[in-house]
Amino acid sequence: LAKVQGRLGLIPQEAADEIVSHCRLDQID
């Protein structure tokens, strides 16, 4: 969702990249 919305300009690309970088199970408690 973040990738698509960043590509469409609906959210800042910087935000999309930051969100994607943390979408890993090992970062979830």
PDB file of all heavy atoms in Angstrom:
ATOM      1  N   LEU A   1       0.834  -1.206   0.000  1.00  0.00           N
ATOM      2  CA  LEU A   1       0.000   0.000   0.000  1.00  0.00           C
ATOM      3  C   LEU A   1       0.871   1.260   0.000  1.00  0.00           C
ATOM      4  O   LEU A   1       0.614   2.207  -0.757  1.00  0.00           O
ATOM      5  CB  LEU A   1      -0.926  -0.014   1.218  1.00  0.00           C
ATOM      6  CG  LEU A   1      -1.879   1.172   1.371  1.00  0.00           C
ATOM      7  CD1 LEU A   1      -2.809   1.295   0.168  1.00  0.00           C
ATOM      8  CD2 LEU A   1      -2.685   1.043   2.673  1.00  0.00           C
ATOM      9  N   ALA A   2       1.895   1.274   0.837  1.00  0.00           N
ATOM     10  CA  ALA A   2       2.791   2.436   0.902  1.00  0.00           C
ATOM     11  C   ALA A   2       3.518   2.626  -0.431  1.00  0.00           C
ATOM     12  O   ALA A   2       3.647   3.765  -0.917  1.00  0.00           O
ATOM     13  CB  ALA A   2       3.790   2.249   2.038  1.00  0.00           C
ATOM     14  N   LYS A   3       3.993   1.542  -1.030  1.00  0.00           N
ATOM     15  CA  LYS A   3       4.673   1.642  -2.329  1.00  0.00           C
ATOM     16  C   LYS A   3       3.777   2.285  -3.377  1.00  0.00           C
ATOM     17  O   LYS A   3       4.176   3.207  -4.104  1.00  0.00           O
ATOM     18  CB  LYS A   3       5.091   0.248  -2.821  1.00  0.00           C
ATOM     19  CG  LYS A   3       6.292  -0.353  -2.149  1.00  0.00           C
ATOM     20  CD  LYS A   3       6.573  -1.726  -2.774  1.00  0.00           C
ATOM     21  CE  LYS A   3       7.697  -2.444  -2.046  1.00  0.00           C
ATOM     22  NZ  LYS A   3       7.924  -3.792  -2.616  1.00  0.00           N
ATOM     23  N   VAL A   4       2.555   1.775  -3.473  1.00  0.00           N
ATOM     24  CA  VAL A   4       1.622   2.257  -4.487  1.00  0.00           C
ATOM     25  C   VAL A   4       1.271   3.716  -4.244  1.00  0.00           C
ATOM     26  O   VAL A   4       1.277   4.544  -5.173  1.00  0.00           O
ATOM     27  CB  VAL A   4       0.355   1.378  -4.510  1.00  0.00           C
ATOM     28  CG1 VAL A   4      -0.724   2.006  -5.385  1.00  0.00           C
ATOM     29  CG2 VAL A   4       0.695  -0.026  -5.011  1.00  0.00           C
ATOM     30  N   GLN A   5       0.986   4.050  -2.993  1.00  0.00           N
ATOM     31  CA  GLN A   5       0.590   5.427  -2.702  1.00  0.00           C
ATOM     32  C   GLN A   5       1.757   6.402  -2.835  1.00  0.00           C
ATOM     33  O   GLN A   5       1.561   7.560  -3.213  1.00  0.00           O
ATOM     34  CB  GLN A   5      -0.032   5.503  -1.305  1.00  0.00           C
ATOM     35  CG  GLN A   5      -1.385   4.792  -1.252  1.00  0.00           C
ATOM     36  CD  GLN A   5      -2.038   4.845   0.115  1.00  0.00           C
ATOM     37  OE1 GLN A   5      -1.353   4.847   1.145  1.00  0.00           O
ATOM     38  NE2 GLN A   5      -3.366   4.878   0.132  1.00  0.00           N
ATOM     39  N   GLY A   6       2.963   5.938  -2.569  1.00  0.00           N
ATOM     40  CA  GLY A   6       4.138   6.768  -2.806  1.00  0.00           C
ATOM     41  C   GLY A   6       4.324   7.012  -4.290  1.00  0.00           C
ATOM     42  O   GLY A   6       4.626   8.131  -4.724  1.00  0.00           O
ATOM     43  N   ARG A   7       4.141   5.959  -5.087  1.00  0.00           N
ATOM     44  CA  ARG A   7       4.278   6.071  -6.538  1.00  0.00           C
ATOM     45  C   ARG A   7       3.235   7.003  -7.127  1.00  0.00           C
ATOM     46  O   ARG A   7       3.498   7.736  -8.090  1.00  0.00           O
ATOM     47  CB  ARG A   7       4.157   4.674  -7.149  1.00  0.00           C
ATOM     48  CG  ARG A   7       4.569   4.569  -8.592  1.00  0.00           C
ATOM     49  CD  ARG A   7       4.851   3.124  -8.987  1.00  0.00           C
ATOM     50  NE  ARG A   7       3.715   2.241  -8.794  1.00  0.00           N
ATOM     51  CZ  ARG A   7       3.747   1.138  -8.062  1.00  0.00           C
ATOM     52  NH1 ARG A   7       4.852   0.773  -7.424  1.00  0.00           N
ATOM     53  NH2 ARG A   7       2.676   0.376  -7.948  1.00  0.00           N
ATOM     54  N   LEU A   8       2.031   6.996  -6.540  1.00  0.00           N
ATOM     55  CA  LEU A   8       0.940   7.850  -7.019  1.00  0.00           C
ATOM     56  C   LEU A   8       1.017   9.266  -6.467  1.00  0.00           C
ATOM     57  O   LEU A   8       0.228  10.133  -6.850  1.00  0.00           O
ATOM     58  CB  LEU A   8      -0.416   7.230  -6.639  1.00  0.00           C
ATOM     59  CG  LEU A   8      -0.791   5.918  -7.339  1.00  0.00           C
ATOM     60  CD1 LEU A   8      -2.047   5.323  -6.702  1.00  0.00           C
ATOM     61  CD2 LEU A   8      -1.001   6.139  -8.834  1.00  0.00           C
ATOM     62  N   GLY A   9       1.937   9.479  -5.535  1.00  0.00           N
ATOM     63  CA  GLY A   9       2.061  10.802  -4.935  1.00  0.00           C
ATOM     64  C   GLY A   9       1.020  11.100  -3.882  1.00  0.00           C
ATOM     65  O   GLY A   9       0.831  12.263  -3.488  1.00  0.00           O
ATOM     66  N   LEU A  10       0.356  10.077  -3.379  1.00  0.00           N
ATOM     67  CA  LEU A  10      -0.655  10.281  -2.349  1.00  0.00           C
ATOM     68  C   LEU A  10      -0.030  10.420  -0.969  1.00  0.00           C
ATOM     69  O   LEU A  10      -0.631  11.003  -0.063  1.00  0.00           O
ATOM     70  CB  LEU A  10      -1.655   9.111  -2.358  1.00  0.00           C
ATOM     71  CG  LEU A  10      -2.432   8.907  -3.663  1.00  0.00           C
ATOM     72  CD1 LEU A  10      -3.386   7.727  -3.533  1.00  0.00           C
ATOM     73  CD2 LEU A  10      -3.203  10.164  -4.052  1.00  0.00           C
ATOM     74  N   ILE A  11       1.132   9.833  -0.782  1.00  0.00           N
ATOM     75  CA  ILE A  11       1.917  10.040   0.433  1.00  0.00           C
ATOM     76  C   ILE A  11       3.347  10.352  -0.011  1.00  0.00           C
ATOM     77  O   ILE A  11       3.740   9.996  -1.135  1.00  0.00           O
ATOM     78  CB  ILE A  11       1.891   8.804   1.370  1.00  0.00           C
ATOM     79  CG1 ILE A  11       2.623   7.613   0.726  1.00  0.00           C
ATOM     80  CG2 ILE A  11       0.457   8.418   1.752  1.00  0.00           C
ATOM     81  CD1 ILE A  11       2.795   6.420   1.670  1.00  0.00           C
ATOM     82  N   PRO A  12       4.128  11.020   0.841  1.00  0.00           N
ATOM     83  CA  PRO A  12       5.513  11.334   0.460  1.00  0.00           C
ATOM     84  C   PRO A  12       6.309  10.059   0.169  1.00  0.00           C
ATOM     85  O   PRO A  12       6.167   9.059   0.885  1.00  0.00           O
ATOM     86  CB  PRO A  12       6.063  12.062   1.684  1.00  0.00           C
ATOM     87  CG  PRO A  12       4.854  12.590   2.396  1.00  0.00           C
ATOM     88  CD  PRO A  12       3.771  11.589   2.159  1.00  0.00           C
ATOM     89  N   GLN A  13       7.128  10.084  -0.860  1.00  0.00           N
ATOM     90  CA  GLN A  13       7.945   8.921  -1.195  1.00  0.00           C
ATOM     91  C   GLN A  13       8.865   8.553  -0.043  1.00  0.00           C
ATOM     92  O   GLN A  13       9.133   7.374   0.212  1.00  0.00           O
ATOM     93  CB  GLN A  13       8.755   9.195  -2.450  1.00  0.00           C
ATOM     94  CG  GLN A  13       9.536   7.980  -2.957  1.00  0.00           C
ATOM     95  CD  GLN A  13       8.622   6.822  -3.337  1.00  0.00           C
ATOM     96  OE1 GLN A  13       7.673   6.999  -4.081  1.00  0.00           O
ATOM     97  NE2 GLN A  13       8.910   5.635  -2.808  1.00  0.00           N
ATOM     98  N   GLU A  14       9.347   9.566   0.684  1.00  0.00           N
ATOM     99  CA  GLU A  14      10.200   9.324   1.848  1.00  0.00           C
ATOM    100  C   GLU A  14       9.458   8.496   2.888  1.00  0.00           C
ATOM    101  O   GLU A  14      10.024   7.570   3.493  1.00  0.00           O
ATOM    102  CB  GLU A  14      10.654  10.659   2.441  1.00  0.00           C
ATOM    103  CG  GLU A  14      11.616  10.521   3.617  1.00  0.00           C
ATOM    104  CD  GLU A  14      11.972  11.864   4.246  1.00  0.00           C
ATOM    105  OE1 GLU A  14      11.267  12.856   3.993  1.00  0.00           O
ATOM    106  OE2 GLU A  14      12.969  11.887   5.001  1.00  0.00           O
ATOM    107  N   ALA A  15       8.177   8.799   3.072  1.00  0.00           N
ATOM    108  CA  ALA A  15       7.365   8.051   4.039  1.00  0.00           C
ATOM    109  C   ALA A  15       7.163   6.618   3.556  1.00  0.00           C
ATOM    110  O   ALA A  15       7.246   5.657   4.339  1.00  0.00           O
ATOM    111  CB  ALA A  15       6.025   8.743   4.240  1.00  0.00           C
ATOM    112  N   ALA A  16       6.886   6.469   2.260  1.00  0.00           N
ATOM    113  CA  ALA A  16       6.681   5.124   1.707  1.00  0.00           C
ATOM    114  C   ALA A  16       7.926   4.260   1.905  1.00  0.00           C
ATOM    115  O   ALA A  16       7.832   3.103   2.345  1.00  0.00           O
ATOM    116  CB  ALA A  16       6.340   5.226   0.226  1.00  0.00           C
ATOM    117  N   ASP A  17       9.096   4.833   1.617  1.00  0.00           N
ATOM    118  CA  ASP A  17      10.348   4.078   1.767  1.00  0.00           C
ATOM    119  C   ASP A  17      10.590   3.696   3.228  1.00  0.00           C
ATOM    120  O   ASP A  17      11.037   2.571   3.524  1.00  0.00           O
ATOM    121  CB  ASP A  17      11.519   4.908   1.248  1.00  0.00           C
ATOM    122  CG  ASP A  17      11.442   5.149  -0.253  1.00  0.00           C
ATOM    123  OD1 ASP A  17      10.730   4.385  -0.937  1.00  0.00           O
ATOM    124  OD2 ASP A  17      12.096   6.096  -0.729  1.00  0.00           O
ATOM    125  N   GLU A  18      10.298   4.621   4.128  1.00  0.00           N
ATOM    126  CA  GLU A  18      10.506   4.368   5.555  1.00  0.00           C
ATOM    127  C   GLU A  18       9.562   3.269   6.050  1.00  0.00           C
ATOM    128  O   GLU A  18       9.967   2.369   6.793  1.00  0.00           O
ATOM    129  CB  GLU A  18      10.286   5.660   6.341  1.00  0.00           C
ATOM    130  CG  GLU A  18      10.495   5.523   7.854  1.00  0.00           C
ATOM    131  CD  GLU A  18      11.943   5.259   8.248  1.00  0.00           C
ATOM    132  OE1 GLU A  18      12.845   5.355   7.388  1.00  0.00           O
ATOM    133  OE2 GLU A  18      12.176   4.931   9.437  1.00  0.00           O
ATOM    134  N   ILE A  19       8.320   3.335   5.641  1.00  0.00           N
ATOM    135  CA  ILE A  19       7.340   2.320   6.061  1.00  0.00           C
ATOM    136  C   ILE A  19       7.753   0.947   5.550  1.00  0.00           C
ATOM    137  O   ILE A  19       7.777  -0.034   6.300  1.00  0.00           O
ATOM    138  CB  ILE A  19       5.938   2.695   5.550  1.00  0.00           C
ATOM    139  CG1 ILE A  19       5.423   3.937   6.280  1.00  0.00           C
ATOM    140  CG2 ILE A  19       4.964   1.528   5.752  1.00  0.00           C
ATOM    141  CD1 ILE A  19       4.223   4.585   5.616  1.00  0.00           C
ATOM    142  N   VAL A  20       8.103   0.881   4.273  1.00  0.00           N
ATOM    143  CA  VAL A  20       8.481  -0.405   3.657  1.00  0.00           C
ATOM    144  C   VAL A  20       9.693  -1.011   4.366  1.00  0.00           C
ATOM    145  O   VAL A  20       9.760  -2.229   4.574  1.00  0.00           O
ATOM    146  CB  VAL A  20       8.767  -0.214   2.154  1.00  0.00           C
ATOM    147  CG1 VAL A  20       9.407  -1.477   1.566  1.00  0.00           C
ATOM    148  CG2 VAL A  20       7.496   0.135   1.405  1.00  0.00           C
ATOM    149  N   SER A  21      10.626  -0.182   4.778  1.00  0.00           N
ATOM    150  CA  SER A  21      11.844  -0.684   5.414  1.00  0.00           C
ATOM    151  C   SER A  21      11.576  -1.383   6.739  1.00  0.00           C
ATOM    152  O   SER A  21      12.411  -2.169   7.211  1.00  0.00           O
ATOM    153  CB  SER A  21      12.834   0.475   5.632  1.00  0.00           C
ATOM    154  OG  SER A  21      12.390   1.342   6.673  1.00  0.00           O
ATOM    155  N   HIS A  22      10.436  -1.109   7.336  1.00  0.00           N
ATOM    156  CA  HIS A  22      10.119  -1.716   8.641  1.00  0.00           C
ATOM    157  C   HIS A  22       9.062  -2.821   8.556  1.00  0.00           C
ATOM    158  O   HIS A  22       8.701  -3.381   9.591  1.00  0.00           O
ATOM    159  CB  HIS A  22       9.644  -0.628   9.612  1.00  0.00           C
ATOM    160  CG  HIS A  22      10.703   0.370   9.967  1.00  0.00           C
ATOM    161  ND1 HIS A  22      11.807   0.054  10.725  1.00  0.00           N
ATOM    162  CD2 HIS A  22      10.844   1.677   9.639  1.00  0.00           C
ATOM    163  CE1 HIS A  22      12.579   1.117  10.870  1.00  0.00           C
ATOM    164  NE2 HIS A  22      12.019   2.121  10.217  1.00  0.00           N
ATOM    165  N   CYS A  23       8.596  -3.130   7.363  1.00  0.00           N
ATOM    166  CA  CYS A  23       7.552  -4.159   7.225  1.00  0.00           C
ATOM    167  C   CYS A  23       8.162  -5.556   7.222  1.00  0.00           C
ATOM    168  O   CYS A  23       8.024  -6.325   6.253  1.00  0.00           O
ATOM    169  CB  CYS A  23       6.728  -3.905   5.971  1.00  0.00           C
ATOM    170  SG  CYS A  23       5.592  -2.516   6.123  1.00  0.00           S
ATOM    171  N   ARG A  24       8.856  -5.859   8.299  1.00  0.00           N
ATOM    172  CA  ARG A  24       9.484  -7.167   8.473  1.00  0.00           C
ATOM    173  C   ARG A  24       9.054  -7.750   9.807  1.00  0.00           C
ATOM    174  O   ARG A  24       8.983  -7.036  10.817  1.00  0.00           O
ATOM    175  CB  ARG A  24      11.006  -7.060   8.421  1.00  0.00           C
ATOM    176  CG  ARG A  24      11.563  -6.461   7.128  1.00  0.00           C
ATOM    177  CD  ARG A  24      13.038  -6.833   6.945  1.00  0.00           C
ATOM    178  NE  ARG A  24      13.801  -6.664   8.180  1.00  0.00           N
ATOM    179  CZ  ARG A  24      14.446  -5.539   8.526  1.00  0.00           C
ATOM    180  NH1 ARG A  24      14.386  -4.472   7.736  1.00  0.00           N
ATOM    181  NH2 ARG A  24      15.134  -5.477   9.643  1.00  0.00           N
ATOM    182  N   LEU A  25       8.793  -9.038   9.793  1.00  0.00           N
ATOM    183  CA  LEU A  25       8.279  -9.690  10.995  1.00  0.00           C
ATOM    184  C   LEU A  25       9.247  -9.571  12.164  1.00  0.00           C
ATOM    185  O   LEU A  25       8.807  -9.453  13.324  1.00  0.00           O
ATOM    186  CB  LEU A  25       8.000 -11.167  10.693  1.00  0.00           C
ATOM    187  CG  LEU A  25       7.279 -11.952  11.802  1.00  0.00           C
ATOM    188  CD1 LEU A  25       5.881 -11.389  12.045  1.00  0.00           C
ATOM    189  CD2 LEU A  25       7.212 -13.438  11.445  1.00  0.00           C
ATOM    190  N   ASP A  26      10.550  -9.585  11.891  1.00  0.00           N
ATOM    191  CA  ASP A  26      11.517  -9.533  12.986  1.00  0.00           C
ATOM    192  C   ASP A  26      11.508  -8.185  13.710  1.00  0.00           C
ATOM    193  O   ASP A  26      12.137  -8.031  14.755  1.00  0.00           O
ATOM    194  CB  ASP A  26      12.924  -9.880  12.501  1.00  0.00           C
ATOM    195  CG  ASP A  26      13.444  -8.920  11.427  1.00  0.00           C
ATOM    196  OD1 ASP A  26      12.770  -7.903  11.137  1.00  0.00           O
ATOM    197  OD2 ASP A  26      14.529  -9.190  10.874  1.00  0.00           O
ATOM    198  N   GLN A  27      10.790  -7.204  13.158  1.00  0.00           N
ATOM    199  CA  GLN A  27      10.704  -5.904  13.824  1.00  0.00           C
ATOM    200  C   GLN A  27       9.404  -5.744  14.628  1.00  0.00           C
ATOM    201  O   GLN A  27       9.183  -4.719  15.265  1.00  0.00           O
ATOM    202  CB  GLN A  27      10.818  -4.770  12.797  1.00  0.00           C
ATOM    203  CG  GLN A  27      12.177  -4.729  12.115  1.00  0.00           C
ATOM    204  CD  GLN A  27      12.492  -3.375  11.513  1.00  0.00           C
ATOM    205  OE1 GLN A  27      12.022  -2.348  11.987  1.00  0.00           O
ATOM    206  NE2 GLN A  27      13.305  -3.379  10.471  1.00  0.00           N
ATOM    207  N   ILE A  28       8.569  -6.767  14.574  1.00  0.00           N
ATOM    208  CA  ILE A  28       7.302  -6.730  15.311  1.00  0.00           C
ATOM    209  C   ILE A  28       7.440  -7.491  16.620  1.00  0.00           C
ATOM    210  O   ILE A  28       7.917  -8.631  16.649  1.00  0.00           O
ATOM    211  CB  ILE A  28       6.165  -7.341  14.469  1.00  0.00           C
ATOM    212  CG1 ILE A  28       5.951  -6.507  13.193  1.00  0.00           C
ATOM    213  CG2 ILE A  28       4.869  -7.415  15.264  1.00  0.00           C
ATOM    214  CD1 ILE A  28       5.506  -5.082  13.430  1.00  0.00           C
ATOM    215  N   ASP A  29       7.038  -6.857  17.700  1.00  0.00           N
ATOM    216  CA  ASP A  29       7.028  -7.483  19.022  1.00  0.00           C
ATOM    217  C   ASP A  29       5.734  -8.287  19.141  1.00  0.00           C
ATOM    218  O   ASP A  29       4.662  -7.725  19.368  1.00  0.00           O
ATOM    219  CB  ASP A  29       7.101  -6.398  20.101  1.00  0.00           C
ATOM    220  CG  ASP A  29       7.207  -6.964  21.509  1.00  0.00           C
ATOM    221  OD1 ASP A  29       6.729  -8.088  21.731  1.00  0.00           O
ATOM    222  OD2 ASP A  29       7.738  -6.262  22.392  1.00  0.00           O
TER     223      ASP A  29
END
